[in-house]
PDB file of all heavy atoms in Angstrom:
ATOM      1  N   ALA A   1     -17.286 -18.555 -15.977  1.00  0.00           N
ATOM      2  CA  ALA A   1     -17.908 -18.408 -17.288  1.00  0.00           C
ATOM      3  C   ALA A   1     -16.912 -18.013 -18.358  1.00  0.00           C
ATOM      4  O   ALA A   1     -17.008 -18.442 -19.512  1.00  0.00           O
ATOM      5  CB  ALA A   1     -19.033 -17.372 -17.222  1.00  0.00           C
ATOM      6  N   LEU A   2     -15.919 -17.195 -17.976  1.00  0.00           N
ATOM      7  CA  LEU A   2     -14.981 -16.662 -18.960  1.00  0.00           C
ATOM      8  C   LEU A   2     -13.569 -17.216 -18.819  1.00  0.00           C
ATOM      9  O   LEU A   2     -12.694 -16.839 -19.589  1.00  0.00           O
ATOM     10  CB  LEU A   2     -14.930 -15.135 -18.856  1.00  0.00           C
ATOM     11  CG  LEU A   2     -16.200 -14.382 -19.281  1.00  0.00           C
ATOM     12  CD1 LEU A   2     -15.977 -12.893 -19.162  1.00  0.00           C
ATOM     13  CD2 LEU A   2     -16.575 -14.740 -20.712  1.00  0.00           C
ATOM     14  N   GLY A   3     -13.338 -18.085 -17.832  1.00  0.00           N
ATOM     15  CA  GLY A   3     -11.981 -18.565 -17.628  1.00  0.00           C
ATOM     16  C   GLY A   3     -11.142 -17.481 -16.993  1.00  0.00           C
ATOM     17  O   GLY A   3     -11.637 -16.637 -16.248  1.00  0.00           O
ATOM     18  N   ASP A   4      -9.868 -17.430 -17.292  1.00  0.00           N
ATOM     19  CA  ASP A   4      -8.971 -16.458 -16.671  1.00  0.00           C
ATOM     20  C   ASP A   4      -9.148 -15.051 -17.237  1.00  0.00           C
ATOM     21  O   ASP A   4      -8.780 -14.069 -16.608  1.00  0.00           O
ATOM     22  CB  ASP A   4      -7.509 -16.888 -16.863  1.00  0.00           C
ATOM     23  CG  ASP A   4      -7.201 -18.168 -16.099  1.00  0.00           C
ATOM     24  OD1 ASP A   4      -7.874 -18.406 -15.089  1.00  0.00           O
ATOM     25  OD2 ASP A   4      -6.314 -18.908 -16.545  1.00  0.00           O
ATOM     26  N   GLU A   5      -9.700 -14.953 -18.456  1.00  0.00           N
ATOM     27  CA  GLU A   5      -9.818 -13.641 -19.097  1.00  0.00           C
ATOM     28  C   GLU A   5     -11.153 -13.004 -18.751  1.00  0.00           C
ATOM     29  O   GLU A   5     -12.018 -12.796 -19.591  1.00  0.00           O
ATOM     30  CB  GLU A   5      -9.678 -13.794 -20.622  1.00  0.00           C
ATOM     31  CG  GLU A   5      -8.370 -14.423 -21.052  1.00  0.00           C
ATOM     32  CD  GLU A   5      -7.188 -13.585 -20.601  1.00  0.00           C
ATOM     33  OE1 GLU A   5      -7.291 -12.347 -20.587  1.00  0.00           O
ATOM     34  OE2 GLU A   5      -6.158 -14.177 -20.264  1.00  0.00           O
ATOM     35  N   THR A   6     -11.392 -12.716 -17.479  1.00  0.00           N
ATOM     36  CA  THR A   6     -12.674 -12.158 -17.061  1.00  0.00           C
ATOM     37  C   THR A   6     -12.795 -10.686 -17.380  1.00  0.00           C
ATOM     38  O   THR A   6     -13.877 -10.187 -17.603  1.00  0.00           O
ATOM     39  CB  THR A   6     -12.880 -12.344 -15.545  1.00  0.00           C
ATOM     40  OG1 THR A   6     -11.888 -11.594 -14.848  1.00  0.00           O
ATOM     41  CG2 THR A   6     -12.767 -13.804 -15.165  1.00  0.00           C
ATOM     42  N   GLY A   7     -11.714  -9.986 -17.349  1.00  0.00           N
ATOM     43  CA  GLY A   7     -11.806  -8.546 -17.549  1.00  0.00           C
ATOM     44  C   GLY A   7     -12.600  -7.863 -16.458  1.00  0.00           C
ATOM     45  O   GLY A   7     -13.136  -6.783 -16.643  1.00  0.00           O
ATOM     46  N   SER A   8     -12.699  -8.480 -15.296  1.00  0.00           N
ATOM     47  CA  SER A   8     -13.494  -7.917 -14.202  1.00  0.00           C
ATOM     48  C   SER A   8     -12.857  -6.658 -13.670  1.00  0.00           C
ATOM     49  O   SER A   8     -11.637  -6.499 -13.704  1.00  0.00           O
ATOM     50  CB  SER A   8     -13.638  -8.949 -13.077  1.00  0.00           C
ATOM     51  OG  SER A   8     -14.244  -8.374 -11.948  1.00  0.00           O
ATOM     52  N   THR A   9     -13.707  -5.767 -13.150  1.00  0.00           N
ATOM     53  CA  THR A   9     -13.192  -4.532 -12.567  1.00  0.00           C
ATOM     54  C   THR A   9     -12.786  -4.722 -11.124  1.00  0.00           C
ATOM     55  O   THR A   9     -12.311  -3.796 -10.487  1.00  0.00           O
ATOM     56  CB  THR A   9     -14.266  -3.433 -12.635  1.00  0.00           C
ATOM     57  OG1 THR A   9     -15.435  -3.881 -11.915  1.00  0.00           O
ATOM     58  CG2 THR A   9     -14.645  -3.117 -14.061  1.00  0.00           C
ATOM     59  N   ARG A  10     -12.996  -5.916 -10.568  1.00  0.00           N
ATOM     60  CA  ARG A  10     -12.659  -6.128  -9.161  1.00  0.00           C
ATOM     61  C   ARG A  10     -11.144  -6.099  -8.970  1.00  0.00           C
ATOM     62  O   ARG A  10     -10.371  -6.507  -9.847  1.00  0.00           O
ATOM     63  CB  ARG A  10     -13.232  -7.462  -8.677  1.00  0.00           C
ATOM     64  CG  ARG A  10     -14.760  -7.414  -8.582  1.00  0.00           C
ATOM     65  CD  ARG A  10     -15.318  -8.746  -8.096  1.00  0.00           C
ATOM     66  NE  ARG A  10     -16.722  -8.622  -7.760  1.00  0.00           N
ATOM     67  CZ  ARG A  10     -17.708  -8.730  -8.633  1.00  0.00           C
ATOM     68  NH1 ARG A  10     -17.435  -8.943  -9.889  1.00  0.00           N
ATOM     69  NH2 ARG A  10     -18.963  -8.614  -8.255  1.00  0.00           N
ATOM     70  N   ASP A  11     -10.733  -5.626  -7.825  1.00  0.00           N
ATOM     71  CA  ASP A  11      -9.311  -5.438  -7.550  1.00  0.00           C
ATOM     72  C   ASP A  11      -8.600  -6.772  -7.427  1.00  0.00           C
ATOM     73  O   ASP A  11      -9.156  -7.777  -7.044  1.00  0.00           O
ATOM     74  CB  ASP A  11      -9.118  -4.656  -6.248  1.00  0.00           C
ATOM     75  CG  ASP A  11      -9.651  -3.237  -6.375  1.00  0.00           C
ATOM     76  OD1 ASP A  11      -9.693  -2.726  -7.511  1.00  0.00           O
ATOM     77  OD2 ASP A  11     -10.003  -2.672  -5.337  1.00  0.00           O
ATOM     78  N   SER A  12      -7.338  -6.784  -7.737  1.00  0.00           N
ATOM     79  CA  SER A  12      -6.493  -7.951  -7.512  1.00  0.00           C
ATOM     80  C   SER A  12      -5.162  -7.467  -6.972  1.00  0.00           C
ATOM     81  O   SER A  12      -4.785  -6.315  -7.148  1.00  0.00           O
ATOM     82  CB  SER A  12      -6.291  -8.738  -8.813  1.00  0.00           C
ATOM     83  OG  SER A  12      -5.656  -7.920  -9.779  1.00  0.00           O
ATOM     84  N   ALA A  13      -4.457  -8.373  -6.300  1.00  0.00           N
ATOM     85  CA  ALA A  13      -3.182  -7.981  -5.694  1.00  0.00           C
ATOM     86  C   ALA A  13      -2.080  -8.913  -6.170  1.00  0.00           C
ATOM     87  O   ALA A  13      -2.302 -10.079  -6.435  1.00  0.00           O
ATOM     88  CB  ALA A  13      -3.279  -8.033  -4.170  1.00  0.00           C
ATOM     89  N   VAL A  14      -0.884  -8.389  -6.297  1.00  0.00           N
ATOM     90  CA  VAL A  14       0.272  -9.181  -6.684  1.00  0.00           C
ATOM     91  C   VAL A  14       1.314  -9.058  -5.586  1.00  0.00           C
ATOM     92  O   VAL A  14       1.714  -7.945  -5.227  1.00  0.00           O
ATOM     93  CB  VAL A  14       0.859  -8.703  -8.031  1.00  0.00           C
ATOM     94  CG1 VAL A  14       2.094  -9.510  -8.372  1.00  0.00           C
ATOM     95  CG2 VAL A  14      -0.179  -8.800  -9.131  1.00  0.00           C
ATOM     96  N   ALA A  15       1.705 -10.176  -5.027  1.00  0.00           N
ATOM     97  CA  ALA A  15       2.719 -10.166  -3.974  1.00  0.00           C
ATOM     98  C   ALA A  15       4.073 -10.521  -4.583  1.00  0.00           C
ATOM     99  O   ALA A  15       4.197 -11.493  -5.308  1.00  0.00           O
ATOM    100  CB  ALA A  15       2.350 -11.173  -2.885  1.00  0.00           C
ATOM    101  N   VAL A  16       5.067  -9.712  -4.308  1.00  0.00           N
ATOM    102  CA  VAL A  16       6.405  -9.929  -4.840  1.00  0.00           C
ATOM    103  C   VAL A  16       7.341 -10.281  -3.685  1.00  0.00           C
ATOM    104  O   VAL A  16       7.422  -9.549  -2.699  1.00  0.00           O
ATOM    105  CB  VAL A  16       6.925  -8.671  -5.573  1.00  0.00           C
ATOM    106  CG1 VAL A  16       8.328  -8.919  -6.105  1.00  0.00           C
ATOM    107  CG2 VAL A  16       5.974  -8.304  -6.702  1.00  0.00           C
ATOM    108  N   VAL A  17       8.021 -11.400  -3.783  1.00  0.00           N
ATOM    109  CA  VAL A  17       8.949 -11.844  -2.751  1.00  0.00           C
ATOM    110  C   VAL A  17      10.349 -11.920  -3.346  1.00  0.00           C
ATOM    111  O   VAL A  17      10.544 -12.484  -4.421  1.00  0.00           O
ATOM    112  CB  VAL A  17       8.531 -13.232  -2.198  1.00  0.00           C
ATOM    113  CG1 VAL A  17       9.516 -13.683  -1.142  1.00  0.00           C
ATOM    114  CG2 VAL A  17       7.118 -13.167  -1.624  1.00  0.00           C
ATOM    115  N   ALA A  18      11.277 -11.341  -2.650  1.00  0.00           N
ATOM    116  CA  ALA A  18      12.665 -11.368  -3.134  1.00  0.00           C
ATOM    117  C   ALA A  18      13.171 -12.803  -3.209  1.00  0.00           C
ATOM    118  O   ALA A  18      12.878 -13.624  -2.349  1.00  0.00           O
ATOM    119  CB  ALA A  18      13.549 -10.544  -2.209  1.00  0.00           C
ATOM    120  N   ALA A  19      13.929 -13.120  -4.256  1.00  0.00           N
ATOM    121  CA  ALA A  19      14.391 -14.485  -4.472  1.00  0.00           C
ATOM    122  C   ALA A  19      15.302 -14.972  -3.359  1.00  0.00           C
ATOM    123  O   ALA A  19      15.367 -16.174  -3.088  1.00  0.00           O
ATOM    124  CB  ALA A  19      15.117 -14.573  -5.821  1.00  0.00           C
ATOM    125  N   ASP A  20      16.041 -14.058  -2.706  1.00  0.00           N
ATOM    126  CA  ASP A  20      16.984 -14.468  -1.674  1.00  0.00           C
ATOM    127  C   ASP A  20      16.389 -14.355  -0.271  1.00  0.00           C
ATOM    128  O   ASP A  20      17.114 -14.405   0.714  1.00  0.00           O
ATOM    129  CB  ASP A  20      18.268 -13.630  -1.775  1.00  0.00           C
ATOM    130  CG  ASP A  20      17.982 -12.141  -1.573  1.00  0.00           C
ATOM    131  OD1 ASP A  20      16.792 -11.763  -1.651  1.00  0.00           O
ATOM    132  OD2 ASP A  20      18.934 -11.383  -1.357  1.00  0.00           O
ATOM    133  N   ASP A  21      15.071 -14.171  -0.167  1.00  0.00           N
ATOM    134  CA  ASP A  21      14.434 -13.985   1.138  1.00  0.00           C
ATOM    135  C   ASP A  21      13.154 -14.819   1.181  1.00  0.00           C
ATOM    136  O   ASP A  21      12.051 -14.302   1.047  1.00  0.00           O
ATOM    137  CB  ASP A  21      14.119 -12.503   1.353  1.00  0.00           C
ATOM    138  CG  ASP A  21      13.815 -12.200   2.826  1.00  0.00           C
ATOM    139  OD1 ASP A  21      13.868 -13.135   3.636  1.00  0.00           O
ATOM    140  OD2 ASP A  21      13.536 -11.031   3.138  1.00  0.00           O
ATOM    141  N   PRO A  22      13.295 -16.145   1.340  1.00  0.00           N
ATOM    142  CA  PRO A  22      12.111 -17.018   1.227  1.00  0.00           C
ATOM    143  C   PRO A  22      11.079 -16.805   2.328  1.00  0.00           C
ATOM    144  O   PRO A  22       9.910 -17.092   2.137  1.00  0.00           O
ATOM    145  CB  PRO A  22      12.713 -18.425   1.306  1.00  0.00           C
ATOM    146  CG  PRO A  22      14.011 -18.247   2.032  1.00  0.00           C
ATOM    147  CD  PRO A  22      14.514 -16.903   1.626  1.00  0.00           C
ATOM    148  N   ILE A  23      11.478 -16.318   3.489  1.00  0.00           N
ATOM    149  CA  ILE A  23      10.537 -16.040   4.579  1.00  0.00           C
ATOM    150  C   ILE A  23      10.627 -14.564   4.916  1.00  0.00           C
ATOM    151  O   ILE A  23      11.701 -14.049   5.224  1.00  0.00           O
ATOM    152  CB  ILE A  23      10.858 -16.877   5.831  1.00  0.00           C
ATOM    153  CG1 ILE A  23      10.803 -18.365   5.504  1.00  0.00           C
ATOM    154  CG2 ILE A  23       9.891 -16.533   6.952  1.00  0.00           C
ATOM    155  CD1 ILE A  23       9.467 -18.868   5.020  1.00  0.00           C
ATOM    156  N   ALA A  24       9.504 -13.872   4.847  1.00  0.00           N
ATOM    157  CA  ALA A  24       9.516 -12.434   5.128  1.00  0.00           C
ATOM    158  C   ALA A  24       8.251 -12.046   5.872  1.00  0.00           C
ATOM    159  O   ALA A  24       7.161 -12.496   5.529  1.00  0.00           O
ATOM    160  CB  ALA A  24       9.613 -11.637   3.825  1.00  0.00           C
TER     161      ALA A  24
END
């Protein structure tokens, strides 16, 4: 309904992978 700007309170996660370590 709102596209990407939902402003939802539900949790989200961000995974960060080192550029020199493609498989971890």
